[in-house]
Structures are given as C-alpha cells and as structure tokens.
PDB file of N, CA and C in Angstrom:
ATOM      1  N   UNK A   1       9.981 -79.337   0.217  1.00  0.00           N
ATOM      2  CA  UNK A   1       8.679 -79.708  -0.554  1.00  0.00           C
ATOM      3  C   UNK A   1       7.673 -80.197  -0.134  1.00  0.00           C
ATOM      4  N   UNK A   2       8.189 -81.324   0.736  1.00  0.00           N
ATOM      5  CA  UNK A   2       6.875 -82.216   2.105  1.00  0.00           C
ATOM      6  C   UNK A   2       6.468 -80.499   3.161  1.00  0.00           C
ATOM      7  N   UNK A   3       7.419 -79.990   3.365  1.00  0.00           N
ATOM      8  CA  UNK A   3       6.918 -78.941   4.800  1.00  0.00           C
ATOM      9  C   UNK A   3       6.174 -78.056   4.090  1.00  0.00           C
ATOM     10  N   UNK A   4       6.321 -77.543   2.686  1.00  0.00           N
ATOM     11  CA  UNK A   4       5.626 -76.258   1.896  1.00  0.00           C
ATOM     12  C   UNK A   4       4.113 -77.054   2.181  1.00  0.00           C
ATOM     13  N   UNK A   5       3.510 -78.301   1.354  1.00  0.00           N
ATOM     14  CA  UNK A   5       2.641 -78.476   1.743  1.00  0.00           C
ATOM     15  C   UNK A   5       2.199 -79.620   3.294  1.00  0.00           C
ATOM     16  N   UNK A   6       2.622 -79.102   3.829  1.00  0.00           N
ATOM     17  CA  UNK A   6       2.088 -79.441   5.590  1.00  0.00           C
ATOM     18  C   UNK A   6       2.315 -80.885   5.660  1.00  0.00           C
ATOM     19  N   UNK A   7       3.618 -81.523   5.207  1.00  0.00           N
ATOM     20  CA  UNK A   7       3.732 -83.126   5.256  1.00  0.00           C
ATOM     21  C   UNK A   7       5.135 -83.148   6.203  1.00  0.00           C
ATOM     22  N   UNK A   8       4.969 -83.598   7.066  1.00  0.00           N
ATOM     23  CA  UNK A   8       6.407 -83.591   7.983  1.00  0.00           C
ATOM     24  C   UNK A   8       6.423 -85.634   7.769  1.00  0.00           C
ATOM     25  N   UNK A   9       8.203 -85.074   6.933  1.00  0.00           N
ATOM     26  CA  UNK A   9       8.662 -86.040   6.513  1.00  0.00           C
ATOM     27  C   UNK A   9       9.396 -86.871   7.867  1.00  0.00           C
ATOM     28  N   UNK A  10       9.060 -88.383   7.951  1.00  0.00           N
ATOM     29  CA  UNK A  10       9.880 -88.966   9.190  1.00  0.00           C
ATOM     30  C   UNK A  10      10.801 -89.996   8.675  1.00  0.00           C
ATOM     31  N   UNK A  11      12.055 -90.725   8.940  1.00  0.00           N
ATOM     32  CA  UNK A  11      12.994 -91.280   8.040  1.00  0.00           C
ATOM     33  C   UNK A  11      12.945 -92.478   9.354  1.00  0.00           C
ATOM     34  N   UNK A  12      12.459 -93.739   8.445  1.00  0.00           N
ATOM     35  CA  UNK A  12      12.989 -94.705   9.394  1.00  0.00           C
ATOM     36  C   UNK A  12      13.421 -95.926   9.057  1.00  0.00           C
ATOM     37  N   UNK A  13      14.671 -96.215   9.992  1.00  0.00           N
ATOM     38  CA  UNK A  13      15.984 -97.405   9.420  1.00  0.00           C
ATOM     39  C   UNK A  13      15.027 -98.321   9.633  1.00  0.00           C
ATOM     40  N   UNK A  14      14.883 -99.260   8.730  1.00  0.00           N
ATOM     41  CA  UNK A  14      14.135-100.796   8.432  1.00  0.00           C
ATOM     42  C   UNK A  14      15.460-101.310   8.648  1.00  0.00           C
ATOM     43  N   UNK A  15      15.803-102.253   9.884  1.00  0.00           N
ATOM     44  CA  UNK A  15      16.940-103.041  10.127  1.00  0.00           C
ATOM     45  C   UNK A  15      16.832-104.424   9.736  1.00  0.00           C
ATOM     46  N   UNK A  16      17.444-105.031   8.933  1.00  0.00           N
ATOM     47  CA  UNK A  16      17.544-106.660   8.376  1.00  0.00           C
ATOM     48  C   UNK A  16      18.501-107.393   9.304  1.00  0.00           C
ATOM     49  N   UNK A  17      17.620-108.276  10.021  1.00  0.00           N
ATOM     50  CA  UNK A  17      18.095-109.356  10.550  1.00  0.00           C
ATOM     51  C   UNK A  17      17.792-109.179  12.611  1.00  0.00           C
ATOM     52  N   UNK A  18      18.019-110.130  12.754  1.00  0.00           N
ATOM     53  CA  UNK A  18      17.577-110.174  14.276  1.00  0.00           C
ATOM     54  C   UNK A  18      18.707-109.279  15.523  1.00  0.00           C
ATOM     55  N   UNK A  19      19.978-109.085  14.975  1.00  0.00           N
ATOM     56  CA  UNK A  19      20.966-109.294  15.766  1.00  0.00           C
ATOM     57  C   UNK A  19      21.773-107.533  15.077  1.00  0.00           C
ATOM     58  N   UNK A  20      21.141-106.466  15.951  1.00  0.00           N
ATOM     59  CA  UNK A  20      21.915-105.268  15.674  1.00  0.00           C
ATOM     60  C   UNK A  20      23.719-105.416  15.836  1.00  0.00           C
ATOM     61  N   UNK A  21      24.247-105.849  16.297  1.00  0.00           N
ATOM     62  CA  UNK A  21      25.534-105.724  17.166  1.00  0.00           C
ATOM     63  C   UNK A  21      26.063-106.821  15.664  1.00  0.00           C
ATOM     64  N   UNK A  22      25.171-107.696  14.673  1.00  0.00           N
ATOM     65  CA  UNK A  22      26.692-108.061  13.525  1.00  0.00           C
ATOM     66  C   UNK A  22      26.587-107.275  12.432  1.00  0.00           C
ATOM     67  N   UNK A  23      26.000-105.634  12.500  1.00  0.00           N
ATOM     68  CA  UNK A  23      25.884-104.620  11.317  1.00  0.00           C
ATOM     69  C   UNK A  23      27.767-104.843  10.971  1.00  0.00           C
ATOM     70  N   UNK A  24      28.115-105.045   9.653  1.00  0.00           N
ATOM     71  CA  UNK A  24      29.060-105.012   9.690  1.00  0.00           C
ATOM     72  C   UNK A  24      29.109-103.050   9.295  1.00  0.00           C
ATOM     73  N   UNK A  25      30.715-102.686   9.593  1.00  0.00           N
ATOM     74  CA  UNK A  25      31.482-101.008   9.975  1.00  0.00           C
ATOM     75  C   UNK A  25      30.243-100.418   8.542  1.00  0.00           C
ATOM     76  N   UNK A  26      30.451-101.187   7.876  1.00  0.00           N
ATOM     77  CA  UNK A  26      30.248-100.484   6.354  1.00  0.00           C
ATOM     78  C   UNK A  26      28.273 -99.536   6.567  1.00  0.00           C
ATOM     79  N   UNK A  27      27.722-101.036   6.952  1.00  0.00           N
ATOM     80  CA  UNK A  27      26.411-100.559   7.277  1.00  0.00           C
ATOM     81  C   UNK A  27      25.862-100.059   8.545  1.00  0.00           C
ATOM     82  N   UNK A  28      26.915 -99.623   9.038  1.00  0.00           N
ATOM     83  CA  UNK A  28      26.848 -98.414  10.334  1.00  0.00           C
ATOM     84  C   UNK A  28      27.320 -97.208   9.633  1.00  0.00           C
ATOM     85  N   UNK A  29      28.332 -97.175   9.117  1.00  0.00           N
ATOM     86  CA  UNK A  29      28.671 -96.168   8.324  1.00  0.00           C
ATOM     87  C   UNK A  29      27.452 -95.399   7.397  1.00  0.00           C
ATOM     88  N   UNK A  30      26.356 -96.648   7.035  1.00  0.00           N
ATOM     89  CA  UNK A  30      25.416 -96.141   6.163  1.00  0.00           C
ATOM     90  C   UNK A  30      24.129 -95.760   7.175  1.00  0.00           C
ATOM     91  N   UNK A  31      24.143 -96.259   8.367  1.00  0.00           N
ATOM     92  CA  UNK A  31      23.016 -95.580   8.945  1.00  0.00           C
ATOM     93  C   UNK A  31      23.854 -94.398   9.514  1.00  0.00           C
ATOM     94  N   UNK A  32      24.530 -94.113  10.168  1.00  0.00           N
ATOM     95  CA  UNK A  32      25.090 -92.641  10.417  1.00  0.00           C
ATOM     96  C   UNK A  32      24.854 -92.010   9.263  1.00  0.00           C
ATOM     97  N   UNK A  33      25.251 -92.135   8.087  1.00  0.00           N
ATOM     98  CA  UNK A  33      25.024 -90.914   6.832  1.00  0.00           C
ATOM     99  C   UNK A  33      23.108 -90.228   6.455  1.00  0.00           C
ATOM    100  N   UNK A  34      22.110 -91.163   6.747  1.00  0.00           N
ATOM    101  CA  UNK A  34      21.336 -91.375   6.981  1.00  0.00           C
ATOM    102  C   UNK A  34      20.709 -91.022   7.777  1.00  0.00           C
ATOM    103  N   UNK A  35      21.444 -91.210   9.148  1.00  0.00           N
ATOM    104  CA  UNK A  35      20.740 -90.501  10.400  1.00  0.00           C
ATOM    105  C   UNK A  35      21.008 -88.661  10.441  1.00  0.00           C
ATOM    106  N   UNK A  36      22.493 -88.576  10.048  1.00  0.00           N
ATOM    107  CA  UNK A  36      23.123 -87.244   9.755  1.00  0.00           C
ATOM    108  C   UNK A  36      22.000 -86.434   8.945  1.00  0.00           C
ATOM    109  N   UNK A  37      21.843 -87.026   7.895  1.00  0.00           N
ATOM    110  CA  UNK A  37      21.110 -86.400   6.613  1.00  0.00           C
ATOM    111  C   UNK A  37      19.752 -85.665   6.919  1.00  0.00           C
ATOM    112  N   UNK A  38      19.196 -87.006   8.275  1.00  0.00           N
ATOM    113  CA  UNK A  38      18.039 -86.287   8.572  1.00  0.00           C
ATOM    114  C   UNK A  38      18.067 -85.077   9.443  1.00  0.00           C
ATOM    115  N   UNK A  39      18.851 -85.226  10.419  1.00  0.00           N
ATOM    116  CA  UNK A  39      18.923 -84.228  11.392  1.00  0.00           C
ATOM    117  C   UNK A  39      19.565 -82.646  10.611  1.00  0.00           C
ATOM    118  N   UNK A  40      20.315 -82.833   9.513  1.00  0.00           N
ATOM    119  CA  UNK A  40      20.694 -81.962   9.006  1.00  0.00           C
ATOM    120  C   UNK A  40      19.232 -81.339   7.954  1.00  0.00           C
ATOM    121  N   UNK A  41      18.217 -81.929   7.674  1.00  0.00           N
ATOM    122  CA  UNK A  41      17.172 -81.683   7.291  1.00  0.00           C
ATOM    123  C   UNK A  41      16.027 -81.307   8.425  1.00  0.00           C
ATOM    124  N   UNK A  42      16.350 -81.888   9.415  1.00  0.00           N
ATOM    125  CA  UNK A  42      15.007 -81.193  10.678  1.00  0.00           C
ATOM    126  C   UNK A  42      14.122 -82.395  10.412  1.00  0.00           C
ATOM    127  N   UNK A  43      14.470 -83.610   9.669  1.00  0.00           N
ATOM    128  CA  UNK A  43      13.519 -84.393   9.866  1.00  0.00           C
ATOM    129  C   UNK A  43      14.136 -85.606  10.916  1.00  0.00           C
ATOM    130  N   UNK A  44      12.715 -85.871  11.513  1.00  0.00           N
ATOM    131  CA  UNK A  44      13.310 -86.771  12.769  1.00  0.00           C
ATOM    132  C   UNK A  44      13.703 -88.545  12.521  1.00  0.00           C
ATOM    133  N   UNK A  45      14.198 -88.937  12.964  1.00  0.00           N
ATOM    134  CA  UNK A  45      14.892 -90.086  12.307  1.00  0.00           C
ATOM    135  C   UNK A  45      14.554 -91.510  13.415  1.00  0.00           C
ATOM    136  N   UNK A  46      14.193 -92.622  12.957  1.00  0.00           N
ATOM    137  CA  UNK A  46      14.194 -93.450  13.644  1.00  0.00           C
ATOM    138  C   UNK A  46      14.658 -94.986  13.483  1.00  0.00           C
ATOM    139  N   UNK A  47      15.712 -95.346  14.298  1.00  0.00           N
ATOM    140  CA  UNK A  47      15.846 -96.284  13.983  1.00  0.00           C
ATOM    141  C   UNK A  47      15.385 -97.763  14.256  1.00  0.00           C
ATOM    142  N   UNK A  48      14.680 -99.106  13.499  1.00  0.00           N
ATOM    143  CA  UNK A  48      13.864 -99.616  14.159  1.00  0.00           C
ATOM    144  C   UNK A  48      14.805-101.024  14.219  1.00  0.00           C
ATOM    145  N   UNK A  49      15.955-101.046  14.186  1.00  0.00           N
ATOM    146  CA  UNK A  49      16.771-102.532  14.638  1.00  0.00           C
ATOM    147  C   UNK A  49      16.566-103.424  16.307  1.00  0.00           C
ATOM    148  N   UNK A  50      16.959-101.712  17.074  1.00  0.00           N
ATOM    149  CA  UNK A  50      16.551-102.426  18.540  1.00  0.00           C
ATOM    150  C   UNK A  50      15.010-102.899  18.753  1.00  0.00           C
ATOM    151  N   UNK A  51      14.607-102.812  18.119  1.00  0.00           N
ATOM    152  CA  UNK A  51      13.010-103.331  18.058  1.00  0.00           C
ATOM    153  C   UNK A  51      12.705-104.430  17.442  1.00  0.00           C
ATOM    154  N   UNK A  52      13.755-104.848  16.524  1.00  0.00           N
ATOM    155  CA  UNK A  52      13.610-106.016  15.886  1.00  0.00           C
ATOM    156  C   UNK A  52      14.967-107.192  16.908  1.00  0.00           C
ATOM    157  N   UNK A  53      15.892-106.466  17.632  1.00  0.00           N
ATOM    158  CA  UNK A  53      16.715-107.279  17.982  1.00  0.00           C
ATOM    159  C   UNK A  53      16.082-108.514  18.606  1.00  0.00           C
ATOM    160  N   UNK A  54      17.043-109.501  18.453  1.00  0.00           N
ATOM    161  CA  UNK A  54      16.605-110.877  19.155  1.00  0.00           C
ATOM    162  C   UNK A  54      15.263-111.570  18.252  1.00  0.00           C
ATOM    163  N   UNK A  55      14.702-111.318  17.649  1.00  0.00           N
ATOM    164  CA  UNK A  55      13.574-111.540  16.943  1.00  0.00           C
ATOM    165  C   UNK A  55      14.090-112.518  15.633  1.00  0.00           C
ATOM    166  N   UNK A  56      14.294-114.056  15.499  1.00  0.00           N
ATOM    167  CA  UNK A  56      14.577-114.654  14.694  1.00  0.00           C
ATOM    168  C   UNK A  56      13.187-115.052  13.816  1.00  0.00           C
ATOM    169  N   UNK A  57      12.332-115.011  14.256  1.00  0.00           N
ATOM    170  CA  UNK A  57      10.788-115.451  13.765  1.00  0.00           C
ATOM    171  C   UNK A  57      10.817-114.395  13.080  1.00  0.00           C
ATOM    172  N   UNK A  58      11.100-112.958  13.100  1.00  0.00           N
ATOM    173  CA  UNK A  58      10.462-111.760  12.657  1.00  0.00           C
ATOM    174  C   UNK A  58      11.302-111.437  10.928  1.00  0.00           C
ATOM    175  N   UNK A  59      12.140-112.625  10.899  1.00  0.00           N
ATOM    176  CA  UNK A  59      12.835-112.529   9.470  1.00  0.00           C
ATOM    177  C   UNK A  59      12.897-113.726   8.320  1.00  0.00           C
ATOM    178  N   UNK A  60      12.809-113.666   7.057  1.00  0.00           N
ATOM    179  CA  UNK A  60      12.658-114.656   6.341  1.00  0.00           C
ATOM    180  C   UNK A  60      14.188-115.604   6.522  1.00  0.00           C
ATOM    181  N   UNK A  61      14.163-116.961   6.620  1.00  0.00           N
ATOM    182  CA  UNK A  61      15.861-117.366   6.681  1.00  0.00           C
ATOM    183  C   UNK A  61      16.506-117.153   5.476  1.00  0.00           C
ATOM    184  N   UNK A  62      17.944-116.386   5.660  1.00  0.00           N
ATOM    185  CA  UNK A  62      18.841-116.182   4.343  1.00  0.00           C
ATOM    186  C   UNK A  62      17.973-115.196   3.446  1.00  0.00           C
ATOM    187  N   UNK A  63      17.200-114.424   4.098  1.00  0.00           N
ATOM    188  CA  UNK A  63      16.270-114.108   3.022  1.00  0.00           C
ATOM    189  C   UNK A  63      16.321-112.069   3.752  1.00  0.00           C
ATOM    190  N   UNK A  64      16.304-111.844   4.875  1.00  0.00           N
ATOM    191  CA  UNK A  64      16.249-110.428   5.420  1.00  0.00           C
ATOM    192  C   UNK A  64      14.738-109.923   5.494  1.00  0.00           C
ATOM    193  N   UNK A  65      14.010-110.390   4.339  1.00  0.00           N
ATOM    194  CA  UNK A  65      12.108-109.771   4.240  1.00  0.00           C
ATOM    195  C   UNK A  65      11.632-109.933   5.771  1.00  0.00           C
ATOM    196  N   UNK A  66      10.906-109.562   5.920  1.00  0.00           N
ATOM    197  CA  UNK A  66      10.040-109.617   7.153  1.00  0.00           C
ATOM    198  C   UNK A  66       9.260-110.808   7.097  1.00  0.00           C
ATOM    199  N   UNK A  67       8.534-111.460   7.947  1.00  0.00           N
ATOM    200  CA  UNK A  67       7.614-112.594   8.293  1.00  0.00           C
ATOM    201  C   UNK A  67       6.512-111.762   8.564  1.00  0.00           C
ATOM    202  N   UNK A  68       5.374-112.358   8.950  1.00  0.00           N
ATOM    203  CA  UNK A  68       4.290-112.073   9.420  1.00  0.00           C
ATOM    204  C   UNK A  68       4.116-111.047  10.709  1.00  0.00           C
ATOM    205  N   UNK A  69       5.152-112.339  11.500  1.00  0.00           N
ATOM    206  CA  UNK A  69       5.332-111.429  13.200  1.00  0.00           C
ATOM    207  C   UNK A  69       6.193-110.353  12.906  1.00  0.00           C
ATOM    208  N   UNK A  70       7.304-110.294  12.066  1.00  0.00           N
ATOM    209  CA  UNK A  70       8.017-108.917  11.819  1.00  0.00           C
ATOM    210  C   UNK A  70       7.504-107.856  11.374  1.00  0.00           C
ATOM    211  N   UNK A  71       6.842-107.982  10.614  1.00  0.00           N
ATOM    212  CA  UNK A  71       5.629-106.601  10.268  1.00  0.00           C
ATOM    213  C   UNK A  71       5.135-106.462  11.486  1.00  0.00           C
ATOM    214  N   UNK A  72       4.371-107.268  11.961  1.00  0.00           N
ATOM    215  CA  UNK A  72       3.268-106.860  13.478  1.00  0.00           C
ATOM    216  C   UNK A  72       4.516-105.803  14.412  1.00  0.00           C
ATOM    217  N   UNK A  73       5.649-106.630  14.256  1.00  0.00           N
ATOM    218  CA  UNK A  73       6.464-105.560  15.196  1.00  0.00           C
ATOM    219  C   UNK A  73       6.959-104.531  14.924  1.00  0.00           C
ATOM    220  N   UNK A  74       7.297-104.377  13.492  1.00  0.00           N
ATOM    221  CA  UNK A  74       7.483-103.186  12.817  1.00  0.00           C
ATOM    222  C   UNK A  74       6.187-102.368  13.289  1.00  0.00           C
ATOM    223  N   UNK A  75       5.370-102.795  12.677  1.00  0.00           N
ATOM    224  CA  UNK A  75       4.204-101.762  12.994  1.00  0.00           C
ATOM    225  C   UNK A  75       3.867-101.294  14.661  1.00  0.00           C
ATOM    226  N   UNK A  76       3.960-101.885  15.265  1.00  0.00           N
ATOM    227  CA  UNK A  76       4.214-101.740  17.038  1.00  0.00           C
ATOM    228  C   UNK A  76       5.400-100.785  17.106  1.00  0.00           C
ATOM    229  N   UNK A  77       6.305-100.921  16.207  1.00  0.00           N
ATOM    230  CA  UNK A  77       7.392 -99.942  16.534  1.00  0.00           C
ATOM    231  C   UNK A  77       7.157 -98.912  16.186  1.00  0.00           C
ATOM    232  N   UNK A  78       6.048 -98.038  14.502  1.00  0.00           N
ATOM    233  CA  UNK A  78       5.940 -97.450  14.022  1.00  0.00           C
ATOM    234  C   UNK A  78       4.760 -96.533  14.777  1.00  0.00           C
ATOM    235  N   UNK A  79       3.753 -97.033  15.236  1.00  0.00           N
ATOM    236  CA  UNK A  79       2.681 -96.849  16.435  1.00  0.00           C
ATOM    237  C   UNK A  79       3.292 -96.186  17.428  1.00  0.00           C
ATOM    238  N   UNK A  80       4.058 -96.782  18.372  1.00  0.00           N
ATOM    239  CA  UNK A  80       4.816 -96.718  19.580  1.00  0.00           C
ATOM    240  C   UNK A  80       5.628 -95.479  19.505  1.00  0.00           C
ATOM    241  N   UNK A  81       6.467 -95.327  17.779  1.00  0.00           N
ATOM    242  CA  UNK A  81       7.384 -94.338  18.182  1.00  0.00           C
ATOM    243  C   UNK A  81       6.925 -93.047  17.324  1.00  0.00           C
ATOM    244  N   UNK A  82       6.919 -93.561  15.770  1.00  0.00           N
ATOM    245  CA  UNK A  82       6.933 -92.637  14.866  1.00  0.00           C
ATOM    246  C   UNK A  82       5.294 -91.631  15.029  1.00  0.00           C
ATOM    247  N   UNK A  83       4.504 -92.862  15.117  1.00  0.00           N
ATOM    248  CA  UNK A  83       3.301 -91.762  14.735  1.00  0.00           C
ATOM    249  C   UNK A  83       2.938 -90.932  15.846  1.00  0.00           C
ATOM    250  N   UNK A  84       3.259 -91.588  17.416  1.00  0.00           N
ATOM    251  CA  UNK A  84       3.192 -90.801  18.294  1.00  0.00           C
ATOM    252  C   UNK A  84       3.447 -89.154  17.960  1.00  0.00           C
ATOM    253  N   UNK A  85       4.488 -89.110  17.408  1.00  0.00           N
ATOM    254  CA  UNK A  85       4.877 -87.273  17.410  1.00  0.00           C
ATOM    255  C   UNK A  85       3.975 -86.736  16.563  1.00  0.00           C
ATOM    256  N   UNK A  86       2.880 -86.991  15.984  1.00  0.00           N
ATOM    257  CA  UNK A  86       1.963 -86.891  15.564  1.00  0.00           C
ATOM    258  C   UNK A  86       0.832 -86.420  16.106  1.00  0.00           C
ATOM    259  N   UNK A  87       0.561 -87.265  17.060  1.00  0.00           N
ATOM    260  CA  UNK A  87      -0.565 -86.996  17.857  1.00  0.00           C
ATOM    261  C   UNK A  87      -0.530 -87.034  19.298  1.00  0.00           C
ATOM    262  N   UNK A  88       0.636 -87.123  19.668  1.00  0.00           N
ATOM    263  CA  UNK A  88       0.997 -87.162  21.042  1.00  0.00           C
ATOM    264  C   UNK A  88       0.802 -88.180  21.695  1.00  0.00           C
ATOM    265  N   UNK A  89      -0.122 -89.165  21.287  1.00  0.00           N
ATOM    266  CA  UNK A  89      -0.276 -90.404  22.137  1.00  0.00           C
ATOM    267  C   UNK A  89      -0.107 -91.795  21.042  1.00  0.00           C
ATOM    268  N   UNK A  90       0.059 -92.642  21.457  1.00  0.00           N
ATOM    269  CA  UNK A  90      -0.215 -94.050  20.843  1.00  0.00           C
ATOM    270  C   UNK A  90      -1.527 -94.778  20.319  1.00  0.00           C
TER     271      UNK A  90
END
C-alpha cells in the first residue's frame, strides 16, 4: 500500500540499552526476523543499536526509554542514514 501511494517504507530498529552486545539470543532473533521481513518486502532496514552503543546517558536508568541525549543521538542517526536515502545528502 505504501508504494502504491508513493511512500517509501523504512524500518528502523530502536535499540534499548547502551550495550548491544548484552542482547539476549531471543532479542537478536527478533532483530533478525524483522530484518528478514524488511528485506523480503524490499524495505530498507536500519539498526540504531550501534549508534547508541556505549551511551549510558542516552537511556533512563532501569527504564530503557531515551533521555534528551538519546533522542538527539537517534535524530542524528536518522538524519545521517535513513533520510540520506531520500535526498542523497544529509
């Protein structure tokens, strides 16, 4: 439906936590399944975990939601990766 209306669907995985290496196997499987579904549908897949890696101040303690710092870092990631595909430049 998106393509029929001229909308390019992009799928972004929002990582929770500052250390992507700490993800449990089930969470990694979920990411792999979402990535595979994106590929199958022809939609680009973006994984924000690396952009947020090591940024403890990006997440609320014991919560996983973004702080203002995390929102800014995510916005930069989106501008430099996801939106570049549309315009060709950040």
